[in-house]
């Protein structure tokens, strides 16, 4: 570890999870369950689950697009980030649209929604490389039964929320700005160095899509005191607080009073996601597509869904 890292009180690493075994969701999403056995735990709150579909070639398909048919959700939000290829969404409230490369779909299931997710018709016709991820973000108890909502956050919106990286310095009071050529941060939600994200959230959440173009330089990321902070390697290899994290690996930081995370890319154009948020500190009752605070509420969600009183 460099003297610069030793000079500043940094967040400690709780765990480094290696790349998990992948599996299929429907017939269109070949995903890594990034959080593995830690999904739906307070240690990651407000984040619940994280599926990453690494780049995969799909041949042209003139028949039915591949994906997942109609299914319900209640009590949380799904956040879908498209990197390559296109996802087509349609739900029971009448929202529909195509999420293309660089776009984000932020869907608030809340009291109930039924939706479907497929490769878009155009992508299915031409085929190509598909890469995306989906996060489940918990809602606080007070918002679990509000009306559902839908935010299509386009690449053009996020591209207005871009910040350069900042080099880490042993001087705690100052960090030097780096040119954009060294890398950048697309601020999907929250704030990064004064740049406000494009998405609206129900609780304090930071979601940063980061490219580090250069190697062996330390870059500093300032997080909110008391947040849970997660660093995911989408492509390349990095060091977090001097510890190696490989492709599809994740570093989970301790929830402590320190706020700085220092990352060094070990491969050029490494791409990472930083997820940070205020823990809800509320009970988590999760079963299938429902996430509530009690299992009585889960049973009620099942009754509502099977009786048809759901998602309209």
C-alpha atoms as a PDB file:
ATOM      1  CA  UNK A   1       0.000   0.000   0.000  1.00  0.00           C
ATOM      2  CA  UNK A   2       1.346   3.433  -0.959  1.00  0.00           C
ATOM      3  CA  UNK A   3       2.186   6.194   1.502  1.00  0.00           C
ATOM      4  CA  UNK A   4      -0.747   8.178   0.086  1.00  0.00           C
ATOM      5  CA  UNK A   5      -3.149   5.451   1.172  1.00  0.00           C
ATOM      6  CA  UNK A   6      -1.586   5.287   4.638  1.00  0.00           C
ATOM      7  CA  UNK A   7      -1.832   9.059   5.074  1.00  0.00           C
ATOM      8  CA  UNK A   8      -5.625   9.216   4.969  1.00  0.00           C
ATOM      9  CA  UNK A   9      -8.273   7.452   7.057  1.00  0.00           C
ATOM     10  CA  UNK A  10     -10.058   5.376   4.401  1.00  0.00           C
ATOM     11  CA  UNK A  11     -13.108   3.168   4.554  1.00  0.00           C
ATOM     12  CA  UNK A  12     -12.192  -0.374   5.471  1.00  0.00           C
ATOM     13  CA  UNK A  13     -13.063  -3.354   3.297  1.00  0.00           C
ATOM     14  CA  UNK A  14     -15.569  -5.739   4.863  1.00  0.00           C
ATOM     15  CA  UNK A  15     -15.475  -8.445   2.176  1.00  0.00           C
ATOM     16  CA  UNK A  16     -14.234  -9.060  -1.346  1.00  0.00           C
ATOM     17  CA  UNK A  17     -16.525 -11.419  -3.235  1.00  0.00           C
ATOM     18  CA  UNK A  18     -15.100 -13.189  -6.302  1.00  0.00           C
ATOM     19  CA  UNK A  19     -17.037 -13.648  -9.522  1.00  0.00           C
ATOM     20  CA  UNK A  20     -19.969 -16.002  -8.771  1.00  0.00           C
ATOM     21  CA  UNK A  21     -21.252 -18.834 -10.954  1.00  0.00           C
ATOM     22  CA  UNK A  22     -23.548 -17.554 -13.708  1.00  0.00           C
ATOM     23  CA  UNK A  23     -27.052 -18.785 -14.540  1.00  0.00           C
ATOM     24  CA  UNK A  24     -29.917 -18.006 -16.915  1.00  0.00           C
ATOM     25  CA  UNK A  25     -32.883 -15.775 -16.096  1.00  0.00           C
ATOM     26  CA  UNK A  26     -35.508 -16.644 -18.674  1.00  0.00           C
ATOM     27  CA  UNK A  27     -33.824 -17.392 -21.994  1.00  0.00           C
ATOM     28  CA  UNK A  28     -32.387 -13.940 -22.647  1.00  0.00           C
ATOM     29  CA  UNK A  29     -30.319 -12.963 -19.609  1.00  0.00           C
ATOM     30  CA  UNK A  30     -27.208 -14.960 -18.702  1.00  0.00           C
ATOM     31  CA  UNK A  31     -26.309 -13.348 -15.373  1.00  0.00           C
ATOM     32  CA  UNK A  32     -23.852 -13.382 -12.501  1.00  0.00           C
ATOM     33  CA  UNK A  33     -25.661 -12.998  -9.127  1.00  0.00           C
ATOM     34  CA  UNK A  34     -23.107 -10.461  -7.915  1.00  0.00           C
ATOM     35  CA  UNK A  35     -24.168 -10.325  -4.257  1.00  0.00           C
ATOM     36  CA  UNK A  36     -24.364 -14.136  -3.991  1.00  0.00           C
ATOM     37  CA  UNK A  37     -25.389 -15.187  -0.457  1.00  0.00           C
ATOM     38  CA  UNK A  38     -25.250 -11.601   0.797  1.00  0.00           C
ATOM     39  CA  UNK A  39     -28.313 -10.579  -1.243  1.00  0.00           C
ATOM     40  CA  UNK A  40     -31.230  -9.261   0.861  1.00  0.00           C
ATOM     41  CA  UNK A  41     -29.049  -8.523   3.904  1.00  0.00           C
ATOM     42  CA  UNK A  42     -28.766  -5.352   5.981  1.00  0.00           C
ATOM     43  CA  UNK A  43     -25.056  -5.196   5.165  1.00  0.00           C
ATOM     44  CA  UNK A  44     -25.975  -4.060   1.624  1.00  0.00           C
ATOM     45  CA  UNK A  45     -29.094  -1.969   2.384  1.00  0.00           C
ATOM     46  CA  UNK A  46     -30.716  -0.236   0.531  1.00  0.00           C
ATOM     47  CA  UNK A  47     -29.481  -2.562  -2.253  1.00  0.00           C
ATOM     48  CA  UNK A  48     -31.094  -5.992  -2.313  1.00  0.00           C
ATOM     49  CA  UNK A  49     -29.961  -7.978  -5.338  1.00  0.00           C
ATOM     50  CA  UNK A  50     -27.641  -7.450  -8.318  1.00  0.00           C
ATOM     51  CA  UNK A  51     -27.629  -9.482 -11.546  1.00  0.00           C
ATOM     52  CA  UNK A  52     -24.971  -8.745 -14.171  1.00  0.00           C
ATOM     53  CA  UNK A  53     -25.268 -10.105 -17.722  1.00  0.00           C
ATOM     54  CA  UNK A  54     -21.698 -10.052 -19.073  1.00  0.00           C
ATOM     55  CA  UNK A  55     -21.196  -9.445 -22.822  1.00  0.00           C
ATOM     56  CA  UNK A  56     -22.696 -12.342 -24.777  1.00  0.00           C
ATOM     57  CA  UNK A  57     -23.336 -12.805 -28.484  1.00  0.00           C
ATOM     58  CA  UNK A  58     -26.883 -13.599 -29.554  1.00  0.00           C
ATOM     59  CA  UNK A  59     -27.529 -14.653 -33.169  1.00  0.00           C
ATOM     60  CA  UNK A  60     -30.351 -13.025 -35.142  1.00  0.00           C
ATOM     61  CA  UNK A  61     -33.697 -14.404 -34.046  1.00  0.00           C
ATOM     62  CA  UNK A  62     -36.631 -13.848 -36.372  1.00  0.00           C
ATOM     63  CA  UNK A  63     -39.024 -15.527 -33.940  1.00  0.00           C
ATOM     64  CA  UNK A  64     -40.076 -14.470 -30.459  1.00  0.00           C
ATOM     65  CA  UNK A  65     -37.522 -12.206 -28.706  1.00  0.00           C
ATOM     66  CA  UNK A  66     -35.669 -13.801 -25.803  1.00  0.00           C
ATOM     67  CA  UNK A  67     -36.270 -12.643 -22.246  1.00  0.00           C
ATOM     68  CA  UNK A  68     -38.657 -12.983 -19.313  1.00  0.00           C
ATOM     69  CA  UNK A  69     -42.456 -12.933 -19.589  1.00  0.00           C
ATOM     70  CA  UNK A  70     -44.953 -11.236 -17.290  1.00  0.00           C
ATOM     71  CA  UNK A  71     -44.102 -11.365 -13.582  1.00  0.00           C
ATOM     72  CA  UNK A  72     -45.044  -9.268 -10.524  1.00  0.00           C
ATOM     73  CA  UNK A  73     -43.073  -7.091  -8.088  1.00  0.00           C
ATOM     74  CA  UNK A  74     -43.991  -5.273  -4.896  1.00  0.00           C
ATOM     75  CA  UNK A  75     -42.122  -3.240  -2.273  1.00  0.00           C
ATOM     76  CA  UNK A  76     -38.948  -2.155  -4.079  1.00  0.00           C
ATOM     77  CA  UNK A  77     -37.467  -0.712  -7.287  1.00  0.00           C
ATOM     78  CA  UNK A  78     -35.735  -2.380 -10.226  1.00  0.00           C
ATOM     79  CA  UNK A  79     -32.912  -0.441 -11.877  1.00  0.00           C
ATOM     80  CA  UNK A  80     -31.785  -1.746 -15.274  1.00  0.00           C
ATOM     81  CA  UNK A  81     -28.579  -0.466 -16.890  1.00  0.00           C
ATOM     82  CA  UNK A  82     -28.054  -1.323 -20.567  1.00  0.00           C
ATOM     83  CA  UNK A  83     -24.462  -1.316 -21.827  1.00  0.00           C
ATOM     84  CA  UNK A  84     -24.775  -3.189 -25.145  1.00  0.00           C
ATOM     85  CA  UNK A  85     -27.897  -4.384 -26.923  1.00  0.00           C
ATOM     86  CA  UNK A  86     -31.452  -3.356 -26.090  1.00  0.00           C
ATOM     87  CA  UNK A  87     -34.073  -4.336 -23.505  1.00  0.00           C
ATOM     88  CA  UNK A  88     -37.758  -3.818 -24.247  1.00  0.00           C
ATOM     89  CA  UNK A  89     -40.022  -3.204 -21.239  1.00  0.00           C
ATOM     90  CA  UNK A  90     -43.800  -3.259 -20.869  1.00  0.00           C
ATOM     91  CA  UNK A  91     -45.829  -3.134 -17.654  1.00  0.00           C
ATOM     92  CA  UNK A  92     -49.370  -3.231 -16.291  1.00  0.00           C
ATOM     93  CA  UNK A  93     -49.543   0.525 -15.715  1.00  0.00           C
ATOM     94  CA  UNK A  94     -49.157   1.193 -19.447  1.00  0.00           C
ATOM     95  CA  UNK A  95     -45.487   2.100 -19.496  1.00  0.00           C
ATOM     96  CA  UNK A  96     -43.372   0.630 -22.272  1.00  0.00           C
ATOM     97  CA  UNK A  97     -40.132   1.454 -24.000  1.00  0.00           C
ATOM     98  CA  UNK A  98     -36.724   0.325 -25.222  1.00  0.00           C
ATOM     99  CA  UNK A  99     -33.613   0.703 -23.063  1.00  0.00           C
ATOM    100  CA  UNK A 100     -30.627   1.139 -25.391  1.00  0.00           C
ATOM    101  CA  UNK A 101     -26.858   1.287 -24.792  1.00  0.00           C
ATOM    102  CA  UNK A 102     -26.106   3.803 -22.045  1.00  0.00           C
ATOM    103  CA  UNK A 103     -29.751   4.105 -20.967  1.00  0.00           C
ATOM    104  CA  UNK A 104     -31.187   3.293 -17.540  1.00  0.00           C
ATOM    105  CA  UNK A 105     -34.685   2.215 -16.559  1.00  0.00           C
ATOM    106  CA  UNK A 106     -35.682   3.021 -12.984  1.00  0.00           C
ATOM    107  CA  UNK A 107     -38.958   1.253 -12.195  1.00  0.00           C
ATOM    108  CA  UNK A 108     -40.677   1.752  -8.835  1.00  0.00           C
ATOM    109  CA  UNK A 109     -42.823  -1.332  -8.239  1.00  0.00           C
ATOM    110  CA  UNK A 110     -44.083  -0.036  -4.861  1.00  0.00           C
ATOM    111  CA  UNK A 111     -47.619  -1.383  -4.163  1.00  0.00           C
ATOM    112  CA  UNK A 112     -47.510  -3.591  -7.219  1.00  0.00           C
ATOM    113  CA  UNK A 113     -46.639  -3.893 -10.872  1.00  0.00           C
ATOM    114  CA  UNK A 114     -46.599  -6.679 -13.456  1.00  0.00           C
ATOM    115  CA  UNK A 115     -44.013  -6.340 -16.215  1.00  0.00           C
ATOM    116  CA  UNK A 116     -42.069  -8.193 -18.864  1.00  0.00           C
ATOM    117  CA  UNK A 117     -38.518  -7.768 -20.158  1.00  0.00           C
ATOM    118  CA  UNK A 118     -37.284  -9.006 -23.523  1.00  0.00           C
ATOM    119  CA  UNK A 119     -34.546  -8.259 -25.997  1.00  0.00           C
ATOM    120  CA  UNK A 120     -35.963  -5.553 -28.245  1.00  0.00           C
ATOM    121  CA  UNK A 121     -37.522  -6.601 -31.545  1.00  0.00           C
ATOM    122  CA  UNK A 122     -34.836  -4.751 -33.508  1.00  0.00           C
ATOM    123  CA  UNK A 123     -31.972  -6.298 -31.532  1.00  0.00           C
ATOM    124  CA  UNK A 124     -33.582  -9.732 -31.935  1.00  0.00           C
ATOM    125  CA  UNK A 125     -33.716  -9.294 -35.699  1.00  0.00           C
ATOM    126  CA  UNK A 126     -30.117  -8.235 -36.145  1.00  0.00           C
ATOM    127  CA  UNK A 127     -28.457 -10.062 -33.212  1.00  0.00           C
ATOM    128  CA  UNK A 128     -25.266  -8.858 -31.578  1.00  0.00           C
ATOM    129  CA  UNK A 129     -23.568  -8.388 -28.222  1.00  0.00           C
ATOM    130  CA  UNK A 130     -25.807  -8.039 -25.193  1.00  0.00           C
ATOM    131  CA  UNK A 131     -24.631  -6.656 -21.822  1.00  0.00           C
ATOM    132  CA  UNK A 132     -26.710  -5.237 -18.990  1.00  0.00           C
ATOM    133  CA  UNK A 133     -27.279  -5.351 -15.255  1.00  0.00           C
ATOM    134  CA  UNK A 134     -30.267  -5.093 -12.970  1.00  0.00           C
ATOM    135  CA  UNK A 135     -30.312  -3.962  -9.361  1.00  0.00           C
ATOM    136  CA  UNK A 136     -33.107  -4.253  -6.846  1.00  0.00           C
ATOM    137  CA  UNK A 137     -33.228  -1.203  -4.563  1.00  0.00           C
ATOM    138  CA  UNK A 138     -35.335  -1.407  -1.430  1.00  0.00           C
ATOM    139  CA  UNK A 139     -38.018   1.119  -0.573  1.00  0.00           C
ATOM    140  CA  UNK A 140     -38.551   2.381   2.981  1.00  0.00           C
ATOM    141  CA  UNK A 141     -41.666   1.137   4.781  1.00  0.00           C
ATOM    142  CA  UNK A 142     -43.466   4.452   4.212  1.00  0.00           C
ATOM    143  CA  UNK A 143     -43.106   4.113   0.417  1.00  0.00           C
ATOM    144  CA  UNK A 144     -43.707   0.399  -0.129  1.00  0.00           C
ATOM    145  CA  UNK A 145     -47.393   0.865  -0.952  1.00  0.00           C
ATOM    146  CA  UNK A 146     -47.273   4.113  -2.930  1.00  0.00           C
ATOM    147  CA  UNK A 147     -48.395   4.021  -6.587  1.00  0.00           C
ATOM    148  CA  UNK A 148     -45.892   2.448  -8.998  1.00  0.00           C
ATOM    149  CA  UNK A 149     -43.788   4.718 -11.215  1.00  0.00           C
ATOM    150  CA  UNK A 150     -41.390   4.534 -14.142  1.00  0.00           C
ATOM    151  CA  UNK A 151     -38.324   6.640 -15.045  1.00  0.00           C
ATOM    152  CA  UNK A 152     -36.758   6.154 -18.468  1.00  0.00           C
ATOM    153  CA  UNK A 153     -33.322   7.753 -17.988  1.00  0.00           C
ATOM    154  CA  UNK A 154     -31.737   8.164 -21.411  1.00  0.00           C
ATOM    155  CA  UNK A 155     -28.021   8.141 -22.205  1.00  0.00           C
ATOM    156  CA  UNK A 156     -28.323  11.763 -23.309  1.00  0.00           C
ATOM    157  CA  UNK A 157     -29.604  12.660 -19.824  1.00  0.00           C
ATOM    158  CA  UNK A 158     -26.744  10.848 -18.089  1.00  0.00           C
ATOM    159  CA  UNK A 159     -24.120  12.255 -20.463  1.00  0.00           C
ATOM    160  CA  UNK A 160     -25.021  15.702 -19.094  1.00  0.00           C
ATOM    161  CA  UNK A 161     -24.016  14.401 -15.643  1.00  0.00           C
ATOM    162  CA  UNK A 162     -20.361  13.492 -16.229  1.00  0.00           C
ATOM    163  CA  UNK A 163     -17.446  14.387 -13.969  1.00  0.00           C
ATOM    164  CA  UNK A 164     -13.683  13.916 -14.368  1.00  0.00           C
ATOM    165  CA  UNK A 165     -11.838  11.669 -11.957  1.00  0.00           C
ATOM    166  CA  UNK A 166      -9.824  13.174  -9.125  1.00  0.00           C
ATOM    167  CA  UNK A 167      -6.391  11.897  -8.193  1.00  0.00           C
ATOM    168  CA  UNK A 168      -5.852  10.866  -4.598  1.00  0.00           C
ATOM    169  CA  UNK A 169      -3.410  13.007  -2.666  1.00  0.00           C
ATOM    170  CA  UNK A 170      -1.587  12.477   0.619  1.00  0.00           C
ATOM    171  CA  UNK A 171      -2.784  16.000   1.487  1.00  0.00           C
ATOM    172  CA  UNK A 172      -6.259  15.386   2.909  1.00  0.00           C
ATOM    173  CA  UNK A 173      -7.404  18.935   2.195  1.00  0.00           C
ATOM    174  CA  UNK A 174      -6.823  18.918  -1.562  1.00  0.00           C
ATOM    175  CA  UNK A 175      -7.142  16.609  -4.523  1.00  0.00           C
ATOM    176  CA  UNK A 176      -6.019  17.538  -8.005  1.00  0.00           C
ATOM    177  CA  UNK A 177      -8.439  17.322 -10.908  1.00  0.00           C
ATOM    178  CA  UNK A 178      -7.481  14.938 -13.683  1.00  0.00           C
ATOM    179  CA  UNK A 179      -8.356  15.494 -17.337  1.00  0.00           C
ATOM    180  CA  UNK A 180     -11.316  13.549 -18.705  1.00  0.00           C
ATOM    181  CA  UNK A 181      -8.826  11.455 -20.681  1.00  0.00           C
ATOM    182  CA  UNK A 182      -7.863   9.791 -17.392  1.00  0.00           C
ATOM    183  CA  UNK A 183     -11.422   8.593 -16.974  1.00  0.00           C
ATOM    184  CA  UNK A 184     -14.863   9.810 -16.056  1.00  0.00           C
ATOM    185  CA  UNK A 185     -17.900   9.209 -13.899  1.00  0.00           C
ATOM    186  CA  UNK A 186     -21.431   9.030 -15.327  1.00  0.00           C
ATOM    187  CA  UNK A 187     -23.626  10.054 -12.418  1.00  0.00           C
ATOM    188  CA  UNK A 188     -26.780   7.969 -12.715  1.00  0.00           C
ATOM    189  CA  UNK A 189     -28.120   8.887  -9.270  1.00  0.00           C
ATOM    190  CA  UNK A 190     -27.004  10.952  -6.307  1.00  0.00           C
ATOM    191  CA  UNK A 191     -24.042  13.314  -6.452  1.00  0.00           C
ATOM    192  CA  UNK A 192     -20.402  13.103  -7.433  1.00  0.00           C
ATOM    193  CA  UNK A 193     -18.132  16.101  -6.825  1.00  0.00           C
ATOM    194  CA  UNK A 194     -21.046  18.491  -7.215  1.00  0.00           C
ATOM    195  CA  UNK A 195     -22.525  16.786 -10.295  1.00  0.00           C
ATOM    196  CA  UNK A 196     -26.128  15.711  -9.667  1.00  0.00           C
ATOM    197  CA  UNK A 197     -27.386  12.436 -11.106  1.00  0.00           C
ATOM    198  CA  UNK A 198     -30.125  12.062 -13.671  1.00  0.00           C
ATOM    199  CA  UNK A 199     -32.437   9.726 -11.705  1.00  0.00           C
ATOM    200  CA  UNK A 200     -34.768  10.603  -8.836  1.00  0.00           C
ATOM    201  CA  UNK A 201     -34.565   8.333  -5.782  1.00  0.00           C
ATOM    202  CA  UNK A 202     -36.744   7.754  -2.700  1.00  0.00           C
ATOM    203  CA  UNK A 203     -33.792   7.589  -0.314  1.00  0.00           C
ATOM    204  CA  UNK A 204     -30.212   8.836  -0.541  1.00  0.00           C
ATOM    205  CA  UNK A 205     -28.526   6.674  -3.207  1.00  0.00           C
ATOM    206  CA  UNK A 206     -25.353   7.265  -5.203  1.00  0.00           C
ATOM    207  CA  UNK A 207     -24.905   5.229  -8.397  1.00  0.00           C
ATOM    208  CA  UNK A 208     -21.773   5.967 -10.436  1.00  0.00           C
ATOM    209  CA  UNK A 209     -20.773   4.333 -13.739  1.00  0.00           C
ATOM    210  CA  UNK A 210     -16.994   4.802 -13.859  1.00  0.00           C
ATOM    211  CA  UNK A 211     -14.359   4.358 -16.550  1.00  0.00           C
ATOM    212  CA  UNK A 212     -10.699   4.522 -15.501  1.00  0.00           C
ATOM    213  CA  UNK A 213      -8.677   4.888 -18.671  1.00  0.00           C
ATOM    214  CA  UNK A 214      -5.201   4.910 -17.162  1.00  0.00           C
ATOM    215  CA  UNK A 215      -3.394   2.422 -14.933  1.00  0.00           C
ATOM    216  CA  UNK A 216      -1.446   2.696 -11.697  1.00  0.00           C
ATOM    217  CA  UNK A 217      -2.877   6.037 -10.615  1.00  0.00           C
ATOM    218  CA  UNK A 218      -4.895   6.352  -7.425  1.00  0.00           C
ATOM    219  CA  UNK A 219      -8.301   7.993  -7.815  1.00  0.00           C
ATOM    220  CA  UNK A 220     -10.383   9.109  -4.884  1.00  0.00           C
ATOM    221  CA  UNK A 221     -14.128   8.699  -4.430  1.00  0.00           C
ATOM    222  CA  UNK A 222     -15.795  10.555  -1.582  1.00  0.00           C
ATOM    223  CA  UNK A 223     -18.880   8.827  -0.175  1.00  0.00           C
ATOM    224  CA  UNK A 224     -21.472   9.881   2.384  1.00  0.00           C
ATOM    225  CA  UNK A 225     -20.698   9.163   6.025  1.00  0.00           C
ATOM    226  CA  UNK A 226     -22.594   6.108   7.277  1.00  0.00           C
ATOM    227  CA  UNK A 227     -23.445   4.782   3.801  1.00  0.00           C
ATOM    228  CA  UNK A 228     -23.105   1.202   2.708  1.00  0.00           C
ATOM    229  CA  UNK A 229     -20.655   1.301  -0.218  1.00  0.00           C
ATOM    230  CA  UNK A 230     -20.168  -1.390  -2.880  1.00  0.00           C
ATOM    231  CA  UNK A 231     -17.544  -1.429  -5.669  1.00  0.00           C
ATOM    232  CA  UNK A 232     -18.264  -3.744  -8.628  1.00  0.00           C
ATOM    233  CA  UNK A 233     -15.781  -4.488 -11.421  1.00  0.00           C
ATOM    234  CA  UNK A 234     -17.643  -4.735 -14.703  1.00  0.00           C
ATOM    235  CA  UNK A 235     -14.551  -4.971 -16.893  1.00  0.00           C
ATOM    236  CA  UNK A 236     -10.805  -4.990 -16.251  1.00  0.00           C
ATOM    237  CA  UNK A 237      -9.127  -5.267 -12.854  1.00  0.00           C
ATOM    238  CA  UNK A 238      -8.619  -2.817 -10.002  1.00  0.00           C
ATOM    239  CA  UNK A 239      -7.291  -2.361  -6.516  1.00  0.00           C
ATOM    240  CA  UNK A 240      -9.581  -0.981  -3.812  1.00  0.00           C
ATOM    241  CA  UNK A 241      -7.720   0.430  -0.816  1.00  0.00           C
ATOM    242  CA  UNK A 242      -4.731  -1.512  -2.200  1.00  0.00           C
ATOM    243  CA  UNK A 243      -6.573  -4.866  -2.380  1.00  0.00           C
ATOM    244  CA  UNK A 244      -7.102  -6.601  -5.783  1.00  0.00           C
ATOM    245  CA  UNK A 245     -10.610  -7.089  -7.198  1.00  0.00           C
ATOM    246  CA  UNK A 246     -11.043  -8.907 -10.523  1.00  0.00           C
ATOM    247  CA  UNK A 247     -13.743  -8.997 -13.223  1.00  0.00           C
ATOM    248  CA  UNK A 248     -17.272  -9.494 -11.871  1.00  0.00           C
ATOM    249  CA  UNK A 249     -15.840  -9.242  -8.376  1.00  0.00           C
ATOM    250  CA  UNK A 250     -17.163  -6.881  -5.729  1.00  0.00           C
ATOM    251  CA  UNK A 251     -15.642  -5.092  -2.739  1.00  0.00           C
ATOM    252  CA  UNK A 252     -18.065  -4.397   0.097  1.00  0.00           C
ATOM    253  CA  UNK A 253     -16.912  -1.632   2.385  1.00  0.00           C
ATOM    254  CA  UNK A 254     -17.512  -1.470   6.135  1.00  0.00           C
ATOM    255  CA  UNK A 255     -20.175   0.941   7.306  1.00  0.00           C
ATOM    256  CA  UNK A 256     -17.993   3.251   9.356  1.00  0.00           C
ATOM    257  CA  UNK A 257     -17.370   6.969   9.861  1.00  0.00           C
ATOM    258  CA  UNK A 258     -14.733   7.124   7.111  1.00  0.00           C
ATOM    259  CA  UNK A 259     -15.803   8.257   3.649  1.00  0.00           C
ATOM    260  CA  UNK A 260     -12.936   7.868   1.160  1.00  0.00           C
ATOM    261  CA  UNK A 261     -12.509   4.997  -1.301  1.00  0.00           C
ATOM    262  CA  UNK A 262      -9.308   4.930  -3.360  1.00  0.00           C
ATOM    263  CA  UNK A 263      -9.245   2.874  -6.554  1.00  0.00           C
ATOM    264  CA  UNK A 264      -6.380   2.048  -8.913  1.00  0.00           C
ATOM    265  CA  UNK A 265      -6.971   0.408 -12.283  1.00  0.00           C
ATOM    266  CA  UNK A 266      -4.592  -2.428 -13.117  1.00  0.00           C
ATOM    267  CA  UNK A 267      -5.897  -2.675 -16.688  1.00  0.00           C
ATOM    268  CA  UNK A 268      -6.572   0.200 -19.081  1.00  0.00           C
ATOM    269  CA  UNK A 269     -10.204   1.249 -19.509  1.00  0.00           C
ATOM    270  CA  UNK A 270     -11.362  -0.662 -16.474  1.00  0.00           C
ATOM    271  CA  UNK A 271     -15.065  -0.093 -15.902  1.00  0.00           C
ATOM    272  CA  UNK A 272     -16.672  -0.197 -12.485  1.00  0.00           C
ATOM    273  CA  UNK A 273     -19.860   0.682 -10.678  1.00  0.00           C
ATOM    274  CA  UNK A 274     -19.925   2.284  -7.260  1.00  0.00           C
ATOM    275  CA  UNK A 275     -23.198   1.807  -5.403  1.00  0.00           C
ATOM    276  CA  UNK A 276     -23.655   3.701  -2.150  1.00  0.00           C
ATOM    277  CA  UNK A 277     -26.677   4.492  -0.074  1.00  0.00           C
ATOM    278  CA  UNK A 278     -28.187   5.266   3.279  1.00  0.00           C
ATOM    279  CA  UNK A 279     -29.120   2.001   5.033  1.00  0.00           C
ATOM    280  CA  UNK A 280     -32.840   1.723   5.745  1.00  0.00           C
ATOM    281  CA  UNK A 281     -32.341  -0.129   9.058  1.00  0.00           C
ATOM    282  CA  UNK A 282     -35.760  -1.760   8.666  1.00  0.00           C
ATOM    283  CA  UNK A 283     -36.676  -5.469   8.638  1.00  0.00           C
ATOM    284  CA  UNK A 284     -36.346  -7.195   5.240  1.00  0.00           C
ATOM    285  CA  UNK A 285     -38.887  -9.880   4.383  1.00  0.00           C
ATOM    286  CA  UNK A 286     -38.190 -11.212   0.881  1.00  0.00           C
ATOM    287  CA  UNK A 287     -39.794 -14.030  -1.040  1.00  0.00           C
ATOM    288  CA  UNK A 288     -39.693 -14.427  -4.815  1.00  0.00           C
ATOM    289  CA  UNK A 289     -40.671 -11.150  -6.488  1.00  0.00           C
ATOM    290  CA  UNK A 290     -41.851  -9.413  -3.292  1.00  0.00           C
ATOM    291  CA  UNK A 291     -39.812  -7.499  -0.680  1.00  0.00           C
ATOM    292  CA  UNK A 292     -41.680  -6.166   2.338  1.00  0.00           C
ATOM    293  CA  UNK A 293     -41.012  -5.676   6.065  1.00  0.00           C
ATOM    294  CA  UNK A 294     -42.964  -8.692   7.379  1.00  0.00           C
ATOM    295  CA  UNK A 295     -43.957 -12.102   6.050  1.00  0.00           C
ATOM    296  CA  UNK A 296     -47.610 -11.260   6.702  1.00  0.00           C
ATOM    297  CA  UNK A 297     -47.145  -8.526   4.074  1.00  0.00           C
ATOM    298  CA  UNK A 298     -45.560 -11.092   1.743  1.00  0.00           C
ATOM    299  CA  UNK A 299     -48.592 -13.361   2.173  1.00  0.00           C
ATOM    300  CA  UNK A 300     -50.873 -10.400   1.428  1.00  0.00           C
ATOM    301  CA  UNK A 301     -48.879  -9.652  -1.748  1.00  0.00           C
ATOM    302  CA  UNK A 302     -49.373 -13.250  -2.914  1.00  0.00           C
ATOM    303  CA  UNK A 303     -53.109 -13.088  -2.160  1.00  0.00           C
ATOM    304  CA  UNK A 304     -53.445  -9.779  -4.018  1.00  0.00           C
ATOM    305  CA  UNK A 305     -51.560 -11.106  -7.026  1.00  0.00           C
ATOM    306  CA  UNK A 306     -53.498 -14.372  -7.321  1.00  0.00           C
ATOM    307  CA  UNK A 307     -56.845 -12.614  -6.803  1.00  0.00           C
ATOM    308  CA  UNK A 308     -56.102 -10.163  -9.621  1.00  0.00           C
ATOM    309  CA  UNK A 309     -55.969  -7.148  -7.274  1.00  0.00           C
ATOM    310  CA  UNK A 310     -52.462  -6.223  -8.304  1.00  0.00           C
ATOM    311  CA  UNK A 311     -50.477  -4.129 -10.740  1.00  0.00           C
ATOM    312  CA  UNK A 312     -53.269  -1.951 -12.137  1.00  0.00           C
END
